Amino acid sequence: MTKAGIVMKLIIAVVQDKDSNRLSNALVDKDYRATKLASTGGFLKAGNTTFLIGVEDEQVDHVLEIIQENCKAREQLVAPVSPMGGNADSYVPYPVEVQVGGATVFIMQVEQFEQF
């Protein structure tokens, strides 16, 4: 429980940078506030944005719908990183098609919420 008995949730959404502005605008249009953090994915070493969104319990499903509508998975060709540390003589990278985009979302209970 938080202030005045309101149950709060923290939604952490990791999205591809290409989806970041669209999601940010959609959240603002629906009067949700979010904090954006720059982050980097481990597999593709590509830029991501991590959103921290604090909402009341009954708003979680609506925020998840907004995230799903604005963060679509898609296929992309990427060149794998050389296992030899980038030595081009020992490794010829061939592009591979991987799925990127979409969102990875974590939802956590908030024990206490304060605004100063």
N, C-alpha and C. Protein backbone atom coordinates (compact mmCIF):
# COMPACT_ATOMS: atom_id res chain seq x y z
N MET A 1 0.84 -1.19 0.00
CA MET A 1 0.00 0.00 0.00
C MET A 1 0.88 1.25 0.00
N THR A 2 0.37 2.28 -0.57
CA THR A 2 1.08 3.55 -0.58
C THR A 2 0.16 4.60 0.03
N LYS A 3 0.37 5.82 -0.33
CA LYS A 3 -0.42 6.92 0.22
C LYS A 3 -1.91 6.64 0.12
N ALA A 4 -2.62 6.91 1.17
CA ALA A 4 -4.08 6.82 1.24
C ALA A 4 -4.60 5.46 0.80
N GLY A 5 -3.83 4.41 1.02
CA GLY A 5 -4.27 3.05 0.72
C GLY A 5 -4.33 2.69 -0.75
N ILE A 6 -3.75 3.50 -1.63
CA ILE A 6 -3.76 3.22 -3.06
C ILE A 6 -2.67 2.20 -3.38
N VAL A 7 -3.04 1.11 -4.07
CA VAL A 7 -2.07 0.09 -4.46
C VAL A 7 -1.39 0.55 -5.76
N MET A 8 -0.06 0.60 -5.72
CA MET A 8 0.72 1.08 -6.86
C MET A 8 1.56 -0.05 -7.44
N LYS A 9 1.83 0.06 -8.74
CA LYS A 9 2.70 -0.87 -9.45
C LYS A 9 3.77 -0.07 -10.18
N LEU A 10 4.94 -0.68 -10.32
CA LEU A 10 6.00 -0.10 -11.14
C LEU A 10 6.14 -0.98 -12.37
N ILE A 11 5.94 -0.39 -13.54
CA ILE A 11 6.10 -1.09 -14.80
C ILE A 11 7.45 -0.68 -15.37
N ILE A 12 8.29 -1.68 -15.63
CA ILE A 12 9.59 -1.45 -16.26
C ILE A 12 9.49 -2.06 -17.65
N ALA A 13 9.60 -1.22 -18.68
CA ALA A 13 9.48 -1.70 -20.06
C ALA A 13 10.76 -1.38 -20.82
N VAL A 14 11.41 -2.41 -21.34
CA VAL A 14 12.61 -2.25 -22.15
C VAL A 14 12.19 -2.37 -23.60
N VAL A 15 12.40 -1.28 -24.38
CA VAL A 15 11.96 -1.25 -25.77
C VAL A 15 13.12 -0.80 -26.66
N GLN A 16 13.04 -1.17 -27.93
CA GLN A 16 14.06 -0.75 -28.88
C GLN A 16 13.97 0.75 -29.10
N ASP A 17 15.11 1.39 -29.30
CA ASP A 17 15.14 2.84 -29.49
C ASP A 17 14.17 3.31 -30.59
N LYS A 18 14.01 2.51 -31.64
CA LYS A 18 13.12 2.91 -32.74
C LYS A 18 11.68 3.07 -32.28
N ASP A 19 11.30 2.38 -31.21
CA ASP A 19 9.93 2.46 -30.70
C ASP A 19 9.78 3.48 -29.57
N SER A 20 10.88 4.00 -29.09
CA SER A 20 10.89 4.82 -27.89
C SER A 20 10.04 6.09 -28.00
N ASN A 21 10.23 6.87 -29.04
CA ASN A 21 9.48 8.13 -29.16
C ASN A 21 8.00 7.89 -29.35
N ARG A 22 7.65 6.87 -30.13
CA ARG A 22 6.23 6.56 -30.35
C ARG A 22 5.56 6.16 -29.04
N LEU A 23 6.25 5.32 -28.25
CA LEU A 23 5.68 4.91 -26.96
C LEU A 23 5.59 6.09 -26.01
N SER A 24 6.63 6.90 -25.95
CA SER A 24 6.64 8.06 -25.07
C SER A 24 5.47 8.99 -25.38
N ASN A 25 5.26 9.27 -26.66
CA ASN A 25 4.15 10.14 -27.07
C ASN A 25 2.80 9.54 -26.72
N ALA A 26 2.65 8.23 -26.91
CA ALA A 26 1.38 7.57 -26.61
C ALA A 26 1.08 7.61 -25.12
N LEU A 27 2.10 7.42 -24.29
CA LEU A 27 1.91 7.49 -22.83
C LEU A 27 1.49 8.89 -22.41
N VAL A 28 2.16 9.90 -22.95
CA VAL A 28 1.82 11.29 -22.62
C VAL A 28 0.40 11.62 -23.07
N ASP A 29 0.03 11.15 -24.28
CA ASP A 29 -1.33 11.40 -24.79
C ASP A 29 -2.41 10.84 -23.87
N LYS A 30 -2.10 9.75 -23.15
CA LYS A 30 -3.06 9.12 -22.23
C LYS A 30 -2.83 9.53 -20.78
N ASP A 31 -2.03 10.59 -20.58
CA ASP A 31 -1.78 11.18 -19.25
C ASP A 31 -1.01 10.27 -18.30
N TYR A 32 -0.11 9.42 -18.83
CA TYR A 32 0.78 8.64 -17.99
C TYR A 32 2.16 9.28 -18.01
N ARG A 33 2.76 9.35 -16.85
CA ARG A 33 4.11 9.90 -16.76
C ARG A 33 5.10 8.75 -16.69
N ALA A 34 6.24 8.92 -17.34
CA ALA A 34 7.26 7.87 -17.35
C ALA A 34 8.64 8.51 -17.32
N THR A 35 9.57 7.79 -16.77
CA THR A 35 10.97 8.19 -16.81
C THR A 35 11.65 7.29 -17.82
N LYS A 36 12.43 7.90 -18.74
CA LYS A 36 13.13 7.15 -19.78
C LYS A 36 14.62 7.08 -19.43
N LEU A 37 15.17 5.88 -19.55
CA LEU A 37 16.59 5.66 -19.32
C LEU A 37 17.21 5.03 -20.56
N ALA A 38 18.36 5.52 -20.98
CA ALA A 38 19.06 4.88 -22.10
C ALA A 38 19.67 3.58 -21.59
N SER A 39 19.54 2.52 -22.40
CA SER A 39 20.11 1.23 -22.02
C SER A 39 20.61 0.54 -23.28
N THR A 40 21.37 -0.53 -23.10
CA THR A 40 21.93 -1.27 -24.22
C THR A 40 21.63 -2.74 -24.06
N GLY A 41 21.16 -3.36 -25.14
CA GLY A 41 20.87 -4.79 -25.12
C GLY A 41 22.14 -5.61 -25.14
N GLY A 42 22.13 -6.75 -24.49
CA GLY A 42 23.31 -7.59 -24.40
C GLY A 42 23.60 -8.37 -25.67
N PHE A 43 22.57 -8.90 -26.34
CA PHE A 43 22.78 -9.77 -27.49
C PHE A 43 23.24 -8.99 -28.72
N LEU A 44 22.50 -7.96 -29.10
CA LEU A 44 22.82 -7.20 -30.30
C LEU A 44 23.67 -5.97 -30.03
N LYS A 45 23.92 -5.66 -28.76
CA LYS A 45 24.67 -4.47 -28.37
C LYS A 45 24.01 -3.22 -28.97
N ALA A 46 22.69 -3.26 -29.12
CA ALA A 46 21.96 -2.16 -29.73
C ALA A 46 21.30 -1.30 -28.67
N GLY A 47 21.02 -0.06 -29.04
CA GLY A 47 20.40 0.87 -28.12
C GLY A 47 18.97 0.51 -27.80
N ASN A 48 18.64 0.62 -26.52
CA ASN A 48 17.29 0.42 -26.03
C ASN A 48 16.91 1.62 -25.18
N THR A 49 15.64 1.70 -24.85
CA THR A 49 15.18 2.67 -23.87
C THR A 49 14.40 1.90 -22.82
N THR A 50 14.70 2.17 -21.56
CA THR A 50 13.98 1.55 -20.46
C THR A 50 13.06 2.58 -19.86
N PHE A 51 11.77 2.26 -19.83
CA PHE A 51 10.76 3.15 -19.27
C PHE A 51 10.43 2.70 -17.85
N LEU A 52 10.36 3.62 -16.92
CA LEU A 52 9.88 3.37 -15.56
C LEU A 52 8.54 4.10 -15.45
N ILE A 53 7.47 3.33 -15.23
CA ILE A 53 6.13 3.90 -15.24
C ILE A 53 5.43 3.49 -13.95
N GLY A 54 5.12 4.46 -13.12
CA GLY A 54 4.40 4.19 -11.88
C GLY A 54 2.91 4.43 -12.09
N VAL A 55 2.09 3.40 -11.80
CA VAL A 55 0.65 3.52 -12.01
C VAL A 55 -0.12 2.88 -10.87
N GLU A 56 -1.38 3.24 -10.76
CA GLU A 56 -2.26 2.56 -9.82
C GLU A 56 -2.57 1.18 -10.38
N ASP A 57 -2.88 0.25 -9.49
CA ASP A 57 -3.08 -1.15 -9.85
C ASP A 57 -4.05 -1.33 -11.01
N GLU A 58 -5.16 -0.59 -11.00
CA GLU A 58 -6.17 -0.78 -12.05
C GLU A 58 -5.77 -0.19 -13.40
N GLN A 59 -4.65 0.54 -13.47
CA GLN A 59 -4.19 1.12 -14.73
C GLN A 59 -3.20 0.22 -15.47
N VAL A 60 -2.74 -0.84 -14.84
CA VAL A 60 -1.69 -1.69 -15.42
C VAL A 60 -2.09 -2.23 -16.79
N ASP A 61 -3.28 -2.80 -16.92
CA ASP A 61 -3.70 -3.38 -18.19
C ASP A 61 -3.75 -2.35 -19.31
N HIS A 62 -4.19 -1.14 -19.01
CA HIS A 62 -4.25 -0.09 -20.02
C HIS A 62 -2.84 0.28 -20.49
N VAL A 63 -1.90 0.41 -19.57
CA VAL A 63 -0.52 0.74 -19.94
C VAL A 63 0.08 -0.40 -20.77
N LEU A 64 -0.20 -1.64 -20.41
CA LEU A 64 0.31 -2.77 -21.20
C LEU A 64 -0.24 -2.74 -22.63
N GLU A 65 -1.49 -2.35 -22.80
CA GLU A 65 -2.07 -2.22 -24.14
C GLU A 65 -1.33 -1.15 -24.94
N ILE A 66 -1.03 -0.02 -24.31
CA ILE A 66 -0.31 1.06 -24.97
C ILE A 66 1.08 0.59 -25.40
N ILE A 67 1.76 -0.13 -24.52
CA ILE A 67 3.10 -0.64 -24.85
C ILE A 67 3.00 -1.61 -26.03
N GLN A 68 2.05 -2.52 -25.98
CA GLN A 68 1.90 -3.51 -27.04
C GLN A 68 1.56 -2.87 -28.38
N GLU A 69 0.73 -1.84 -28.38
CA GLU A 69 0.35 -1.15 -29.62
C GLU A 69 1.51 -0.39 -30.25
N ASN A 70 2.46 0.04 -29.45
CA ASN A 70 3.52 0.93 -29.95
C ASN A 70 4.90 0.30 -30.06
N CYS A 71 5.04 -0.94 -29.65
CA CYS A 71 6.35 -1.61 -29.68
C CYS A 71 6.18 -2.95 -30.39
N LYS A 72 6.32 -2.92 -31.70
CA LYS A 72 6.10 -4.11 -32.52
C LYS A 72 7.41 -4.82 -32.81
N ALA A 73 7.36 -6.15 -32.75
CA ALA A 73 8.52 -6.97 -33.12
C ALA A 73 8.65 -6.97 -34.64
N ARG A 74 9.88 -7.03 -35.14
CA ARG A 74 10.14 -7.07 -36.57
C ARG A 74 11.45 -7.82 -36.83
N GLU A 75 11.65 -8.24 -38.05
CA GLU A 75 12.88 -8.95 -38.43
C GLU A 75 13.91 -7.94 -38.91
N GLN A 76 15.19 -8.20 -38.59
CA GLN A 76 16.27 -7.30 -38.99
C GLN A 76 17.51 -8.13 -39.27
N LEU A 77 18.27 -7.76 -40.31
CA LEU A 77 19.53 -8.42 -40.60
C LEU A 77 20.64 -7.79 -39.76
N VAL A 78 21.42 -8.62 -39.10
CA VAL A 78 22.55 -8.12 -38.31
C VAL A 78 23.77 -8.98 -38.60
N ALA A 79 24.93 -8.38 -38.53
CA ALA A 79 26.19 -9.10 -38.68
C ALA A 79 26.65 -9.53 -37.30
N PRO A 80 26.89 -10.81 -37.08
CA PRO A 80 27.34 -11.25 -35.76
C PRO A 80 28.72 -10.69 -35.43
N VAL A 81 28.97 -10.50 -34.14
CA VAL A 81 30.26 -10.01 -33.67
C VAL A 81 31.25 -11.16 -33.69
N SER A 82 32.46 -10.89 -34.14
CA SER A 82 33.49 -11.93 -34.23
C SER A 82 33.83 -12.50 -32.86
N PRO A 83 33.89 -13.85 -32.74
CA PRO A 83 34.29 -14.44 -31.47
C PRO A 83 35.76 -14.23 -31.18
N MET A 84 36.52 -13.74 -32.16
CA MET A 84 37.96 -13.52 -31.99
C MET A 84 38.26 -12.06 -31.63
N GLY A 85 37.27 -11.34 -31.21
CA GLY A 85 37.49 -9.96 -30.80
C GLY A 85 37.52 -8.97 -31.94
N GLY A 86 36.93 -9.31 -33.08
CA GLY A 86 36.85 -8.36 -34.17
C GLY A 86 37.93 -8.52 -35.21
N ASN A 87 38.76 -9.55 -35.16
CA ASN A 87 39.82 -9.77 -36.13
C ASN A 87 39.19 -10.23 -37.45
N ALA A 88 39.17 -9.37 -38.45
CA ALA A 88 38.50 -9.65 -39.71
C ALA A 88 39.17 -10.79 -40.48
N ASP A 89 40.47 -11.02 -40.28
CA ASP A 89 41.18 -12.08 -40.99
C ASP A 89 40.74 -13.47 -40.55
N SER A 90 40.28 -13.62 -39.32
CA SER A 90 39.94 -14.94 -38.79
C SER A 90 38.45 -15.22 -38.80
N TYR A 91 37.64 -14.26 -39.21
CA TYR A 91 36.20 -14.43 -39.09
C TYR A 91 35.49 -13.66 -40.19
N VAL A 92 34.66 -14.32 -40.95
CA VAL A 92 33.87 -13.64 -41.98
C VAL A 92 32.42 -13.65 -41.53
N PRO A 93 31.92 -12.51 -41.08
CA PRO A 93 30.54 -12.48 -40.59
C PRO A 93 29.55 -12.53 -41.75
N TYR A 94 28.54 -13.36 -41.61
CA TYR A 94 27.43 -13.39 -42.55
C TYR A 94 26.21 -12.86 -41.82
N PRO A 95 25.51 -11.91 -42.42
CA PRO A 95 24.33 -11.38 -41.74
C PRO A 95 23.31 -12.48 -41.45
N VAL A 96 22.70 -12.37 -40.31
CA VAL A 96 21.64 -13.30 -39.93
C VAL A 96 20.40 -12.48 -39.60
N GLU A 97 19.25 -13.07 -39.85
CA GLU A 97 17.99 -12.39 -39.56
C GLU A 97 17.56 -12.72 -38.14
N VAL A 98 17.31 -11.69 -37.33
CA VAL A 98 16.87 -11.87 -35.96
C VAL A 98 15.63 -11.03 -35.71
N GLN A 99 14.88 -11.40 -34.71
CA GLN A 99 13.70 -10.63 -34.33
C GLN A 99 14.13 -9.54 -33.35
N VAL A 100 13.76 -8.30 -33.64
CA VAL A 100 14.05 -7.17 -32.77
C VAL A 100 12.75 -6.43 -32.48
N GLY A 101 12.82 -5.49 -31.59
CA GLY A 101 11.65 -4.69 -31.26
C GLY A 101 10.79 -5.39 -30.24
N GLY A 102 9.54 -5.00 -30.20
CA GLY A 102 8.67 -5.52 -29.16
C GLY A 102 9.05 -4.87 -27.84
N ALA A 103 8.72 -5.51 -26.75
CA ALA A 103 9.04 -4.97 -25.43
C ALA A 103 9.20 -6.10 -24.44
N THR A 104 10.10 -5.90 -23.51
CA THR A 104 10.23 -6.78 -22.36
C THR A 104 9.73 -5.99 -21.17
N VAL A 105 8.72 -6.52 -20.48
CA VAL A 105 8.05 -5.75 -19.44
C VAL A 105 8.08 -6.50 -18.11
N PHE A 106 8.42 -5.78 -17.07
CA PHE A 106 8.40 -6.29 -15.70
C PHE A 106 7.39 -5.45 -14.91
N ILE A 107 6.59 -6.09 -14.07
CA ILE A 107 5.63 -5.37 -13.24
C ILE A 107 5.91 -5.74 -11.79
N MET A 108 6.11 -4.72 -10.97
CA MET A 108 6.45 -4.95 -9.57
C MET A 108 5.54 -4.18 -8.65
N GLN A 109 5.27 -4.78 -7.51
CA GLN A 109 4.50 -4.12 -6.45
C GLN A 109 5.35 -2.99 -5.85
N VAL A 110 4.74 -1.87 -5.58
CA VAL A 110 5.43 -0.74 -4.96
C VAL A 110 5.02 -0.69 -3.49
N GLU A 111 6.00 -0.78 -2.61
CA GLU A 111 5.70 -0.73 -1.18
C GLU A 111 5.36 0.66 -0.70
N GLN A 112 6.07 1.64 -1.26
CA GLN A 112 5.83 3.02 -0.83
C GLN A 112 6.14 3.94 -1.97
N PHE A 113 5.36 5.02 -2.10
CA PHE A 113 5.52 5.99 -3.16
C PHE A 113 5.43 7.38 -2.54
N GLU A 114 6.43 8.19 -2.83
CA GLU A 114 6.46 9.57 -2.34
C GLU A 114 6.82 10.50 -3.48
N GLN A 115 6.25 11.69 -3.49
CA GLN A 115 6.64 12.74 -4.42
C GLN A 115 6.98 13.96 -3.61
N PHE A 116 8.14 14.53 -3.87
CA PHE A 116 8.58 15.73 -3.14
C PHE A 116 8.74 16.89 -4.07
